[in-house]
């Protein structure tokens, strides 16, 4: 239970634990997160309301909470459509087959609070640990290869082409996104969107979703979707079909940031072909956007109303809930 409470506090309320002291000049209080002067402005969607399309799914497999699973929280798609499950209850990652079989486990006793997972083209699994301020890197077979201590520390990450990775940091800075070498050395920053002290993975949290020749970033607590190439060139900045305002950020006397009572807009994101599927907020719908332009296309209803996280592959939908992880097969090709 303590791990569950810690994870969901970080994920939903964006509480930072001790890594941001000295990073902020603001006094304790609540501040609106606003776009900085000179930052790009989001383009509204042409659609004024959702366009619904029908999709039917059948249950293909289920991995219940119990022997192999304790608290599934995040899902990631790896090479060949293989899915990886972050189990924050026991701080490990499971690799699943399309039939729901547990193929490999990735874990280390020193991992305290995993907040993100990335999978490389060769099957390496990178687990971001916010409390330890490090990244544990495992081989495809599950062997711990090394630990990286990024400076400054990171909370979300994605592996781009070549060496290194892109991440958002738990401390403010010149850009929301930062490029690191494979050893964790900071190379450059981009995405100057907000005031520097609020330009953090807490105040402006989201998911770095690889797609096209770069990545997409659906903001978790704002109706915004932005995309960059891996070298930091802006591809587009759009409002989503739910143009929720930017949240308010609470800063305490120790400099810790939280986003109280924020609207949860984007719970997860996954790319299939030229489509980005965003599993969205309290509505629990799948909204589909074009990867290249961010234009809204249509919406689907997922098969589980109580899902906490949803990702898609070419021929499967995976959903995580308190009960476990369920693998669904579309009865017909998705629209």
C-alpha atoms as a PDB file:
ATOM      1  CA  UNK A   1       0.000   0.000   0.000  1.00  0.00           C
ATOM      2  CA  UNK A   2       2.775   2.568   0.701  1.00  0.00           C
ATOM      3  CA  UNK A   3       4.169   2.051  -2.808  1.00  0.00           C
ATOM      4  CA  UNK A   4       0.718   2.462  -4.328  1.00  0.00           C
ATOM      5  CA  UNK A   5       0.142   5.666  -2.422  1.00  0.00           C
ATOM      6  CA  UNK A   6       3.565   7.018  -3.405  1.00  0.00           C
ATOM      7  CA  UNK A   7       3.117   6.191  -7.068  1.00  0.00           C
ATOM      8  CA  UNK A   8      -0.314   7.721  -7.446  1.00  0.00           C
ATOM      9  CA  UNK A   9       0.720  10.837  -5.539  1.00  0.00           C
ATOM     10  CA  UNK A  10       3.528  11.327  -8.040  1.00  0.00           C
ATOM     11  CA  UNK A  11       1.413  10.380 -11.033  1.00  0.00           C
ATOM     12  CA  UNK A  12      -1.788  12.236 -10.210  1.00  0.00           C
ATOM     13  CA  UNK A  13      -0.788  15.021  -7.842  1.00  0.00           C
ATOM     14  CA  UNK A  14       2.773  15.450  -9.107  1.00  0.00           C
ATOM     15  CA  UNK A  15       4.472  15.581  -5.737  1.00  0.00           C
ATOM     16  CA  UNK A  16       8.234  15.870  -5.910  1.00  0.00           C
ATOM     17  CA  UNK A  17      10.391  14.326  -3.235  1.00  0.00           C
ATOM     18  CA  UNK A  18      13.369  16.364  -2.240  1.00  0.00           C
ATOM     19  CA  UNK A  19      15.014  16.856  -5.638  1.00  0.00           C
ATOM     20  CA  UNK A  20      13.959  20.415  -6.358  1.00  0.00           C
ATOM     21  CA  UNK A  21      15.191  22.275  -3.295  1.00  0.00           C
ATOM     22  CA  UNK A  22      16.856  25.496  -4.274  1.00  0.00           C
ATOM     23  CA  UNK A  23      15.417  25.441  -7.797  1.00  0.00           C
ATOM     24  CA  UNK A  24      12.672  27.984  -7.315  1.00  0.00           C
ATOM     25  CA  UNK A  25      12.604  31.659  -6.568  1.00  0.00           C
ATOM     26  CA  UNK A  26       8.862  31.866  -5.930  1.00  0.00           C
ATOM     27  CA  UNK A  27       7.432  32.190  -2.486  1.00  0.00           C
ATOM     28  CA  UNK A  28       5.074  29.536  -1.221  1.00  0.00           C
ATOM     29  CA  UNK A  29       1.682  29.916  -2.850  1.00  0.00           C
ATOM     30  CA  UNK A  30      -0.454  28.895  -5.808  1.00  0.00           C
ATOM     31  CA  UNK A  31       0.408  30.133  -9.284  1.00  0.00           C
ATOM     32  CA  UNK A  32      -1.262  29.702 -12.679  1.00  0.00           C
ATOM     33  CA  UNK A  33       0.855  27.828 -15.202  1.00  0.00           C
ATOM     34  CA  UNK A  34       1.011  30.200 -18.155  1.00  0.00           C
ATOM     35  CA  UNK A  35       2.812  30.156 -21.462  1.00  0.00           C
ATOM     36  CA  UNK A  36       5.913  32.326 -21.342  1.00  0.00           C
ATOM     37  CA  UNK A  37       6.205  35.452 -23.514  1.00  0.00           C
ATOM     38  CA  UNK A  38       7.520  34.502 -26.940  1.00  0.00           C
ATOM     39  CA  UNK A  39       6.600  30.828 -26.627  1.00  0.00           C
ATOM     40  CA  UNK A  40       4.704  29.110 -29.456  1.00  0.00           C
ATOM     41  CA  UNK A  41       0.925  29.326 -29.261  1.00  0.00           C
ATOM     42  CA  UNK A  42      -1.303  26.249 -29.598  1.00  0.00           C
ATOM     43  CA  UNK A  43      -3.492  25.999 -32.701  1.00  0.00           C
ATOM     44  CA  UNK A  44      -7.149  25.096 -32.036  1.00  0.00           C
ATOM     45  CA  UNK A  45      -8.681  21.966 -33.541  1.00  0.00           C
ATOM     46  CA  UNK A  46     -11.073  22.332 -36.447  1.00  0.00           C
ATOM     47  CA  UNK A  47     -13.511  19.889 -34.859  1.00  0.00           C
ATOM     48  CA  UNK A  48     -15.788  21.452 -32.265  1.00  0.00           C
ATOM     49  CA  UNK A  49     -16.971  18.149 -30.748  1.00  0.00           C
ATOM     50  CA  UNK A  50     -16.085  14.482 -30.781  1.00  0.00           C
ATOM     51  CA  UNK A  51     -16.755  12.319 -33.820  1.00  0.00           C
ATOM     52  CA  UNK A  52     -17.658   8.852 -32.576  1.00  0.00           C
ATOM     53  CA  UNK A  53     -16.804   5.644 -34.393  1.00  0.00           C
ATOM     54  CA  UNK A  54     -17.696   2.120 -33.390  1.00  0.00           C
ATOM     55  CA  UNK A  55     -15.107  -0.409 -32.316  1.00  0.00           C
ATOM     56  CA  UNK A  56     -15.716  -3.883 -30.908  1.00  0.00           C
ATOM     57  CA  UNK A  57     -13.193  -5.899 -28.901  1.00  0.00           C
ATOM     58  CA  UNK A  58     -12.999  -9.437 -27.580  1.00  0.00           C
ATOM     59  CA  UNK A  59     -10.990 -10.512 -24.575  1.00  0.00           C
ATOM     60  CA  UNK A  60      -7.842 -12.379 -25.644  1.00  0.00           C
ATOM     61  CA  UNK A  61      -6.058 -12.826 -22.304  1.00  0.00           C
ATOM     62  CA  UNK A  62      -5.970 -11.556 -18.735  1.00  0.00           C
ATOM     63  CA  UNK A  63      -3.158 -11.317 -16.203  1.00  0.00           C
ATOM     64  CA  UNK A  64      -4.893 -10.840 -12.857  1.00  0.00           C
ATOM     65  CA  UNK A  65      -3.343  -9.205  -9.819  1.00  0.00           C
ATOM     66  CA  UNK A  66      -1.880 -12.014  -7.770  1.00  0.00           C
ATOM     67  CA  UNK A  67       1.103 -14.268  -8.357  1.00  0.00           C
ATOM     68  CA  UNK A  68       2.822 -12.312 -11.179  1.00  0.00           C
ATOM     69  CA  UNK A  69       1.271  -8.883 -10.796  1.00  0.00           C
ATOM     70  CA  UNK A  70       0.631  -6.516  -7.917  1.00  0.00           C
ATOM     71  CA  UNK A  71      -0.070  -2.943  -9.081  1.00  0.00           C
ATOM     72  CA  UNK A  72       0.060  -2.397 -12.873  1.00  0.00           C
ATOM     73  CA  UNK A  73       0.340   1.300 -13.608  1.00  0.00           C
ATOM     74  CA  UNK A  74       2.075   2.056 -16.910  1.00  0.00           C
ATOM     75  CA  UNK A  75       2.138   0.188 -20.213  1.00  0.00           C
ATOM     76  CA  UNK A  76       4.752   0.605 -22.935  1.00  0.00           C
ATOM     77  CA  UNK A  77       4.951  -0.820 -26.447  1.00  0.00           C
ATOM     78  CA  UNK A  78       8.322  -2.266 -27.442  1.00  0.00           C
ATOM     79  CA  UNK A  79       9.815  -3.755 -30.622  1.00  0.00           C
ATOM     80  CA  UNK A  80       7.456  -5.934 -32.611  1.00  0.00           C
ATOM     81  CA  UNK A  81       4.424  -4.796 -30.621  1.00  0.00           C
ATOM     82  CA  UNK A  82       5.530  -6.463 -27.391  1.00  0.00           C
ATOM     83  CA  UNK A  83       4.039  -4.770 -24.324  1.00  0.00           C
ATOM     84  CA  UNK A  84       5.829  -3.958 -21.065  1.00  0.00           C
ATOM     85  CA  UNK A  85       3.984  -3.424 -17.782  1.00  0.00           C
ATOM     86  CA  UNK A  86       5.367  -1.278 -14.974  1.00  0.00           C
ATOM     87  CA  UNK A  87       4.321  -2.917 -11.712  1.00  0.00           C
ATOM     88  CA  UNK A  88       4.855  -0.151  -9.165  1.00  0.00           C
ATOM     89  CA  UNK A  89       3.677  -2.363  -6.309  1.00  0.00           C
ATOM     90  CA  UNK A  90       6.885  -4.398  -6.434  1.00  0.00           C
ATOM     91  CA  UNK A  91       8.943  -2.010  -8.584  1.00  0.00           C
ATOM     92  CA  UNK A  92       9.548  -4.209 -11.590  1.00  0.00           C
ATOM     93  CA  UNK A  93       8.644  -4.425 -15.272  1.00  0.00           C
ATOM     94  CA  UNK A  94       7.032  -7.409 -17.011  1.00  0.00           C
ATOM     95  CA  UNK A  95       7.326  -8.180 -20.711  1.00  0.00           C
ATOM     96  CA  UNK A  96       4.150  -9.776 -22.077  1.00  0.00           C
ATOM     97  CA  UNK A  97       3.446 -11.772 -25.200  1.00  0.00           C
ATOM     98  CA  UNK A  98       0.372 -10.907 -27.314  1.00  0.00           C
ATOM     99  CA  UNK A  99      -1.245 -13.919 -25.615  1.00  0.00           C
ATOM    100  CA  UNK A 100      -0.652 -12.406 -22.181  1.00  0.00           C
ATOM    101  CA  UNK A 101       2.202 -14.670 -21.125  1.00  0.00           C
ATOM    102  CA  UNK A 102       4.909 -13.191 -18.896  1.00  0.00           C
ATOM    103  CA  UNK A 103       8.091 -13.578 -20.952  1.00  0.00           C
ATOM    104  CA  UNK A 104      10.674 -11.631 -18.929  1.00  0.00           C
ATOM    105  CA  UNK A 105      10.863  -9.664 -15.695  1.00  0.00           C
ATOM    106  CA  UNK A 106      13.084  -6.650 -15.075  1.00  0.00           C
ATOM    107  CA  UNK A 107      13.762  -5.517 -11.531  1.00  0.00           C
ATOM    108  CA  UNK A 108      16.332  -4.582  -8.928  1.00  0.00           C
ATOM    109  CA  UNK A 109      15.914  -4.267  -5.133  1.00  0.00           C
ATOM    110  CA  UNK A 110      17.333  -0.730  -5.177  1.00  0.00           C
ATOM    111  CA  UNK A 111      14.528   0.688  -7.363  1.00  0.00           C
ATOM    112  CA  UNK A 112      12.349   2.773  -5.044  1.00  0.00           C
ATOM    113  CA  UNK A 113       9.777   4.725  -7.055  1.00  0.00           C
ATOM    114  CA  UNK A 114       9.677   3.942 -10.796  1.00  0.00           C
ATOM    115  CA  UNK A 115       7.928   6.716 -12.716  1.00  0.00           C
ATOM    116  CA  UNK A 116       8.536   5.769 -16.353  1.00  0.00           C
ATOM    117  CA  UNK A 117       9.785   3.015 -18.662  1.00  0.00           C
ATOM    118  CA  UNK A 118      11.359   3.192 -22.108  1.00  0.00           C
ATOM    119  CA  UNK A 119      12.264   0.315 -24.424  1.00  0.00           C
ATOM    120  CA  UNK A 120      15.033   0.483 -27.003  1.00  0.00           C
ATOM    121  CA  UNK A 121      14.992  -1.115 -30.477  1.00  0.00           C
ATOM    122  CA  UNK A 122      17.267  -3.890 -29.201  1.00  0.00           C
ATOM    123  CA  UNK A 123      14.946  -4.633 -26.269  1.00  0.00           C
ATOM    124  CA  UNK A 124      16.892  -2.802 -23.565  1.00  0.00           C
ATOM    125  CA  UNK A 125      14.541  -1.669 -20.791  1.00  0.00           C
ATOM    126  CA  UNK A 126      15.168   1.676 -19.085  1.00  0.00           C
ATOM    127  CA  UNK A 127      13.402   2.254 -15.754  1.00  0.00           C
ATOM    128  CA  UNK A 128      13.337   5.806 -14.390  1.00  0.00           C
ATOM    129  CA  UNK A 129      13.465   5.977 -10.574  1.00  0.00           C
ATOM    130  CA  UNK A 130      12.555   9.447  -9.314  1.00  0.00           C
ATOM    131  CA  UNK A 131      13.356   8.805  -5.642  1.00  0.00           C
ATOM    132  CA  UNK A 132      16.847   7.451  -6.387  1.00  0.00           C
ATOM    133  CA  UNK A 133      17.388  10.062  -9.133  1.00  0.00           C
ATOM    134  CA  UNK A 134      18.667   7.366 -11.452  1.00  0.00           C
ATOM    135  CA  UNK A 135      17.799   5.152 -14.406  1.00  0.00           C
ATOM    136  CA  UNK A 136      18.261   1.374 -14.250  1.00  0.00           C
ATOM    137  CA  UNK A 137      19.070  -0.190 -17.635  1.00  0.00           C
ATOM    138  CA  UNK A 138      18.344  -3.884 -18.240  1.00  0.00           C
ATOM    139  CA  UNK A 139      19.241  -6.159 -21.122  1.00  0.00           C
ATOM    140  CA  UNK A 140      16.432  -7.688 -23.187  1.00  0.00           C
ATOM    141  CA  UNK A 141      16.955 -10.894 -21.196  1.00  0.00           C
ATOM    142  CA  UNK A 142      16.411  -9.085 -17.863  1.00  0.00           C
ATOM    143  CA  UNK A 143      19.997  -8.622 -16.618  1.00  0.00           C
ATOM    144  CA  UNK A 144      20.826  -5.312 -14.931  1.00  0.00           C
ATOM    145  CA  UNK A 145      23.459  -3.694 -17.149  1.00  0.00           C
ATOM    146  CA  UNK A 146      24.127  -0.354 -15.496  1.00  0.00           C
ATOM    147  CA  UNK A 147      22.666   2.564 -13.578  1.00  0.00           C
ATOM    148  CA  UNK A 148      22.695   6.112 -14.844  1.00  0.00           C
ATOM    149  CA  UNK A 149      22.461   9.228 -12.699  1.00  0.00           C
ATOM    150  CA  UNK A 150      21.255  12.016 -15.017  1.00  0.00           C
ATOM    151  CA  UNK A 151      22.219  15.510 -14.006  1.00  0.00           C
ATOM    152  CA  UNK A 152      19.757  17.138 -13.564  1.00  0.00           C
ATOM    153  CA  UNK A 153      17.465  14.212 -12.619  1.00  0.00           C
ATOM    154  CA  UNK A 154      14.562  13.141 -14.832  1.00  0.00           C
ATOM    155  CA  UNK A 155      10.999  11.904 -14.325  1.00  0.00           C
ATOM    156  CA  UNK A 156       9.839  10.966 -17.861  1.00  0.00           C
ATOM    157  CA  UNK A 157      11.994   9.691 -20.713  1.00  0.00           C
ATOM    158  CA  UNK A 158      12.026   8.265 -24.230  1.00  0.00           C
ATOM    159  CA  UNK A 159      14.809   6.711 -26.285  1.00  0.00           C
ATOM    160  CA  UNK A 160      15.386   8.385 -29.620  1.00  0.00           C
ATOM    161  CA  UNK A 161      17.405   7.199 -32.589  1.00  0.00           C
ATOM    162  CA  UNK A 162      21.100   6.729 -31.952  1.00  0.00           C
ATOM    163  CA  UNK A 163      22.624   7.138 -28.524  1.00  0.00           C
ATOM    164  CA  UNK A 164      21.087   9.037 -25.637  1.00  0.00           C
ATOM    165  CA  UNK A 165      17.566   9.913 -24.610  1.00  0.00           C
ATOM    166  CA  UNK A 166      15.105  12.790 -24.252  1.00  0.00           C
ATOM    167  CA  UNK A 167      13.516  13.480 -20.881  1.00  0.00           C
ATOM    168  CA  UNK A 168      11.611  15.962 -18.780  1.00  0.00           C
ATOM    169  CA  UNK A 169      13.237  16.993 -15.540  1.00  0.00           C
ATOM    170  CA  UNK A 170      12.118  17.327 -11.961  1.00  0.00           C
ATOM    171  CA  UNK A 171      13.882  20.691 -11.772  1.00  0.00           C
ATOM    172  CA  UNK A 172      13.174  23.830 -13.778  1.00  0.00           C
ATOM    173  CA  UNK A 173      15.342  25.026 -16.610  1.00  0.00           C
ATOM    174  CA  UNK A 174      15.567  26.650 -20.008  1.00  0.00           C
ATOM    175  CA  UNK A 175      13.486  23.969 -21.714  1.00  0.00           C
ATOM    176  CA  UNK A 176      10.846  21.465 -20.722  1.00  0.00           C
ATOM    177  CA  UNK A 177      12.653  18.786 -22.774  1.00  0.00           C
ATOM    178  CA  UNK A 178      16.321  17.865 -22.408  1.00  0.00           C
ATOM    179  CA  UNK A 179      18.678  15.714 -24.428  1.00  0.00           C
ATOM    180  CA  UNK A 180      21.073  13.511 -22.513  1.00  0.00           C
ATOM    181  CA  UNK A 181      23.947  11.332 -23.609  1.00  0.00           C
ATOM    182  CA  UNK A 182      23.749   7.593 -23.033  1.00  0.00           C
ATOM    183  CA  UNK A 183      25.778   8.179 -19.857  1.00  0.00           C
ATOM    184  CA  UNK A 184      23.269  10.736 -18.544  1.00  0.00           C
ATOM    185  CA  UNK A 185      25.163  13.932 -19.353  1.00  0.00           C
ATOM    186  CA  UNK A 186      22.987  16.888 -20.271  1.00  0.00           C
ATOM    187  CA  UNK A 187      23.508  18.006 -23.848  1.00  0.00           C
ATOM    188  CA  UNK A 188      20.900  20.646 -24.626  1.00  0.00           C
ATOM    189  CA  UNK A 189      17.374  21.736 -23.809  1.00  0.00           C
ATOM    190  CA  UNK A 190      14.416  22.817 -25.916  1.00  0.00           C
ATOM    191  CA  UNK A 191      10.734  23.534 -25.522  1.00  0.00           C
ATOM    192  CA  UNK A 192      10.803  26.956 -23.873  1.00  0.00           C
ATOM    193  CA  UNK A 193       7.099  27.056 -23.086  1.00  0.00           C
ATOM    194  CA  UNK A 194       6.670  28.190 -19.474  1.00  0.00           C
ATOM    195  CA  UNK A 195       8.491  30.275 -16.849  1.00  0.00           C
ATOM    196  CA  UNK A 196      11.721  28.439 -16.082  1.00  0.00           C
ATOM    197  CA  UNK A 197      10.945  27.632 -12.464  1.00  0.00           C
ATOM    198  CA  UNK A 198       7.615  26.035 -13.479  1.00  0.00           C
ATOM    199  CA  UNK A 199       9.034  24.273 -16.527  1.00  0.00           C
ATOM    200  CA  UNK A 200       9.157  20.901 -14.794  1.00  0.00           C
ATOM    201  CA  UNK A 201       7.744  17.427 -15.168  1.00  0.00           C
ATOM    202  CA  UNK A 202       5.538  18.204 -12.193  1.00  0.00           C
ATOM    203  CA  UNK A 203       3.911  21.439 -13.288  1.00  0.00           C
ATOM    204  CA  UNK A 204       3.770  20.473 -16.995  1.00  0.00           C
ATOM    205  CA  UNK A 205       3.590  16.694 -16.758  1.00  0.00           C
ATOM    206  CA  UNK A 206       2.890  14.479 -19.744  1.00  0.00           C
ATOM    207  CA  UNK A 207       4.113  11.464 -21.694  1.00  0.00           C
ATOM    208  CA  UNK A 208       6.940  11.455 -24.237  1.00  0.00           C
ATOM    209  CA  UNK A 209       5.535   9.223 -26.984  1.00  0.00           C
ATOM    210  CA  UNK A 210       7.875   8.359 -29.891  1.00  0.00           C
ATOM    211  CA  UNK A 211       6.213   8.781 -33.273  1.00  0.00           C
ATOM    212  CA  UNK A 212       7.212   9.766 -36.781  1.00  0.00           C
ATOM    213  CA  UNK A 213      10.636  11.417 -36.883  1.00  0.00           C
ATOM    214  CA  UNK A 214      10.349  12.645 -33.303  1.00  0.00           C
ATOM    215  CA  UNK A 215       8.009  12.469 -30.352  1.00  0.00           C
ATOM    216  CA  UNK A 216       4.601  13.684 -29.233  1.00  0.00           C
ATOM    217  CA  UNK A 217       3.834  15.051 -25.773  1.00  0.00           C
ATOM    218  CA  UNK A 218       0.207  14.977 -24.595  1.00  0.00           C
ATOM    219  CA  UNK A 219      -0.022  17.080 -21.420  1.00  0.00           C
ATOM    220  CA  UNK A 220      -1.654  15.160 -18.593  1.00  0.00           C
ATOM    221  CA  UNK A 221      -3.392  18.120 -16.968  1.00  0.00           C
ATOM    222  CA  UNK A 222      -3.985  20.477 -19.891  1.00  0.00           C
ATOM    223  CA  UNK A 223      -5.750  20.160 -23.223  1.00  0.00           C
ATOM    224  CA  UNK A 224      -2.535  20.511 -25.220  1.00  0.00           C
ATOM    225  CA  UNK A 225      -0.506  18.312 -27.559  1.00  0.00           C
ATOM    226  CA  UNK A 226       2.973  19.290 -28.733  1.00  0.00           C
ATOM    227  CA  UNK A 227       5.462  17.520 -30.969  1.00  0.00           C
ATOM    228  CA  UNK A 228       9.189  17.934 -31.657  1.00  0.00           C
ATOM    229  CA  UNK A 229      11.802  16.219 -33.754  1.00  0.00           C
ATOM    230  CA  UNK A 230      14.451  14.418 -31.732  1.00  0.00           C
ATOM    231  CA  UNK A 231      16.878  17.297 -32.311  1.00  0.00           C
ATOM    232  CA  UNK A 232      14.430  19.828 -30.878  1.00  0.00           C
ATOM    233  CA  UNK A 233      12.607  21.342 -33.864  1.00  0.00           C
ATOM    234  CA  UNK A 234       8.942  22.090 -33.226  1.00  0.00           C
ATOM    235  CA  UNK A 235       6.625  20.047 -35.460  1.00  0.00           C
ATOM    236  CA  UNK A 236       3.284  21.321 -34.148  1.00  0.00           C
ATOM    237  CA  UNK A 237       1.533  22.654 -31.069  1.00  0.00           C
ATOM    238  CA  UNK A 238      -2.211  21.991 -30.919  1.00  0.00           C
ATOM    239  CA  UNK A 239      -5.108  22.139 -28.545  1.00  0.00           C
ATOM    240  CA  UNK A 240      -6.783  18.786 -28.062  1.00  0.00           C
ATOM    241  CA  UNK A 241     -10.472  18.079 -28.498  1.00  0.00           C
ATOM    242  CA  UNK A 242     -10.719  18.897 -24.758  1.00  0.00           C
ATOM    243  CA  UNK A 243      -9.128  22.377 -24.574  1.00  0.00           C
ATOM    244  CA  UNK A 244      -8.761  22.356 -20.788  1.00  0.00           C
ATOM    245  CA  UNK A 245      -6.944  25.353 -19.357  1.00  0.00           C
ATOM    246  CA  UNK A 246      -3.444  25.093 -17.950  1.00  0.00           C
ATOM    247  CA  UNK A 247      -3.473  24.016 -14.298  1.00  0.00           C
ATOM    248  CA  UNK A 248      -2.544  25.934 -11.188  1.00  0.00           C
ATOM    249  CA  UNK A 249       0.684  24.955  -9.438  1.00  0.00           C
ATOM    250  CA  UNK A 250       1.105  25.004  -5.688  1.00  0.00           C
ATOM    251  CA  UNK A 251       4.603  25.683  -4.346  1.00  0.00           C
ATOM    252  CA  UNK A 252       5.267  24.942  -0.674  1.00  0.00           C
ATOM    253  CA  UNK A 253       7.857  26.494   1.635  1.00  0.00           C
ATOM    254  CA  UNK A 254      10.412  23.828   0.660  1.00  0.00           C
ATOM    255  CA  UNK A 255       9.965  24.528  -3.056  1.00  0.00           C
ATOM    256  CA  UNK A 256       7.990  21.354  -3.783  1.00  0.00           C
ATOM    257  CA  UNK A 257       5.392  21.621  -6.519  1.00  0.00           C
ATOM    258  CA  UNK A 258       1.982  19.979  -6.732  1.00  0.00           C
ATOM    259  CA  UNK A 259      -0.955  20.385  -9.082  1.00  0.00           C
ATOM    260  CA  UNK A 260      -4.009  20.144  -6.819  1.00  0.00           C
ATOM    261  CA  UNK A 261      -7.454  19.405  -8.228  1.00  0.00           C
ATOM    262  CA  UNK A 262      -6.192  19.353 -11.803  1.00  0.00           C
ATOM    263  CA  UNK A 263      -8.285  17.888 -14.597  1.00  0.00           C
ATOM    264  CA  UNK A 264      -6.739  14.657 -15.831  1.00  0.00           C
ATOM    265  CA  UNK A 265      -6.910  15.009 -19.618  1.00  0.00           C
ATOM    266  CA  UNK A 266      -4.386  12.538 -21.051  1.00  0.00           C
ATOM    267  CA  UNK A 267      -3.788   9.331 -19.114  1.00  0.00           C
ATOM    268  CA  UNK A 268      -1.718   7.578 -21.773  1.00  0.00           C
ATOM    269  CA  UNK A 269      -0.600   7.787 -25.384  1.00  0.00           C
ATOM    270  CA  UNK A 270       0.466   5.232 -27.974  1.00  0.00           C
ATOM    271  CA  UNK A 271       1.256   5.412 -31.676  1.00  0.00           C
ATOM    272  CA  UNK A 272       0.072   2.921 -34.290  1.00  0.00           C
ATOM    273  CA  UNK A 273       1.121   3.827 -37.817  1.00  0.00           C
ATOM    274  CA  UNK A 274       0.211   7.459 -38.411  1.00  0.00           C
ATOM    275  CA  UNK A 275      -2.248   7.652 -35.521  1.00  0.00           C
ATOM    276  CA  UNK A 276      -1.768   8.750 -31.912  1.00  0.00           C
ATOM    277  CA  UNK A 277      -4.257   7.201 -29.484  1.00  0.00           C
ATOM    278  CA  UNK A 278      -4.738   9.253 -26.312  1.00  0.00           C
ATOM    279  CA  UNK A 279      -6.622   7.611 -23.486  1.00  0.00           C
ATOM    280  CA  UNK A 280      -8.362  10.579 -21.976  1.00  0.00           C
ATOM    281  CA  UNK A 281      -9.219  11.638 -18.492  1.00  0.00           C
ATOM    282  CA  UNK A 282     -12.515  11.307 -16.677  1.00  0.00           C
ATOM    283  CA  UNK A 283     -14.325  10.622 -19.950  1.00  0.00           C
ATOM    284  CA  UNK A 284     -12.257   7.427 -20.396  1.00  0.00           C
ATOM    285  CA  UNK A 285     -12.279   7.609 -24.183  1.00  0.00           C
ATOM    286  CA  UNK A 286      -9.691   6.971 -26.879  1.00  0.00           C
ATOM    287  CA  UNK A 287      -9.165  10.105 -28.954  1.00  0.00           C
ATOM    288  CA  UNK A 288      -7.258   9.653 -32.203  1.00  0.00           C
ATOM    289  CA  UNK A 289      -4.943  12.324 -33.653  1.00  0.00           C
ATOM    290  CA  UNK A 290      -2.676  12.437 -36.679  1.00  0.00           C
ATOM    291  CA  UNK A 291       0.969  11.912 -35.761  1.00  0.00           C
ATOM    292  CA  UNK A 292       2.267  14.362 -38.351  1.00  0.00           C
ATOM    293  CA  UNK A 293      -0.085  17.304 -37.737  1.00  0.00           C
ATOM    294  CA  UNK A 294      -1.831  16.679 -34.395  1.00  0.00           C
ATOM    295  CA  UNK A 295      -5.234  17.019 -36.061  1.00  0.00           C
ATOM    296  CA  UNK A 296      -8.094  15.322 -34.255  1.00  0.00           C
ATOM    297  CA  UNK A 297      -9.663  12.483 -36.282  1.00  0.00           C
ATOM    298  CA  UNK A 298     -12.246  10.586 -34.225  1.00  0.00           C
ATOM    299  CA  UNK A 299     -12.947   8.911 -30.873  1.00  0.00           C
ATOM    300  CA  UNK A 300     -13.538   5.343 -29.682  1.00  0.00           C
ATOM    301  CA  UNK A 301     -14.847   3.842 -26.487  1.00  0.00           C
ATOM    302  CA  UNK A 302     -12.366   1.393 -24.932  1.00  0.00           C
ATOM    303  CA  UNK A 303     -13.662  -1.992 -23.743  1.00  0.00           C
ATOM    304  CA  UNK A 304     -13.045  -1.345 -20.002  1.00  0.00           C
ATOM    305  CA  UNK A 305     -14.607   1.642 -18.279  1.00  0.00           C
ATOM    306  CA  UNK A 306     -12.438   1.310 -15.174  1.00  0.00           C
ATOM    307  CA  UNK A 307      -9.120   1.133 -17.026  1.00  0.00           C
ATOM    308  CA  UNK A 308      -6.307   3.236 -15.609  1.00  0.00           C
ATOM    309  CA  UNK A 309      -4.008   2.991 -18.619  1.00  0.00           C
ATOM    310  CA  UNK A 310      -4.493   1.912 -22.241  1.00  0.00           C
ATOM    311  CA  UNK A 311      -2.080   1.328 -25.138  1.00  0.00           C
ATOM    312  CA  UNK A 312      -2.555  -0.116 -28.602  1.00  0.00           C
ATOM    313  CA  UNK A 313      -0.427  -2.144 -30.992  1.00  0.00           C
ATOM    314  CA  UNK A 314      -1.198  -3.136 -34.571  1.00  0.00           C
ATOM    315  CA  UNK A 315      -3.549  -5.917 -33.474  1.00  0.00           C
ATOM    316  CA  UNK A 316      -4.094  -5.626 -29.733  1.00  0.00           C
ATOM    317  CA  UNK A 317      -5.400  -3.247 -27.072  1.00  0.00           C
ATOM    318  CA  UNK A 318      -3.910  -3.565 -23.581  1.00  0.00           C
ATOM    319  CA  UNK A 319      -5.581  -2.041 -20.551  1.00  0.00           C
ATOM    320  CA  UNK A 320      -4.445  -1.880 -16.931  1.00  0.00           C
ATOM    321  CA  UNK A 321      -6.831  -1.653 -13.994  1.00  0.00           C
ATOM    322  CA  UNK A 322      -6.859  -2.539 -10.316  1.00  0.00           C
ATOM    323  CA  UNK A 323      -7.775  -6.083 -11.335  1.00  0.00           C
ATOM    324  CA  UNK A 324      -4.748  -6.592 -13.552  1.00  0.00           C
ATOM    325  CA  UNK A 325      -3.860  -6.305 -17.237  1.00  0.00           C
ATOM    326  CA  UNK A 326      -6.286  -7.379 -19.964  1.00  0.00           C
ATOM    327  CA  UNK A 327      -5.378  -8.073 -23.578  1.00  0.00           C
ATOM    328  CA  UNK A 328      -8.135  -7.274 -26.100  1.00  0.00           C
ATOM    329  CA  UNK A 329      -8.340  -8.177 -29.774  1.00  0.00           C
ATOM    330  CA  UNK A 330     -10.318  -5.935 -32.167  1.00  0.00           C
ATOM    331  CA  UNK A 331     -13.102  -7.925 -33.817  1.00  0.00           C
ATOM    332  CA  UNK A 332     -12.717  -5.794 -36.918  1.00  0.00           C
ATOM    333  CA  UNK A 333      -9.931  -3.477 -38.119  1.00  0.00           C
ATOM    334  CA  UNK A 334     -10.017  -0.171 -36.253  1.00  0.00           C
ATOM    335  CA  UNK A 335     -11.476   2.738 -38.257  1.00  0.00           C
END
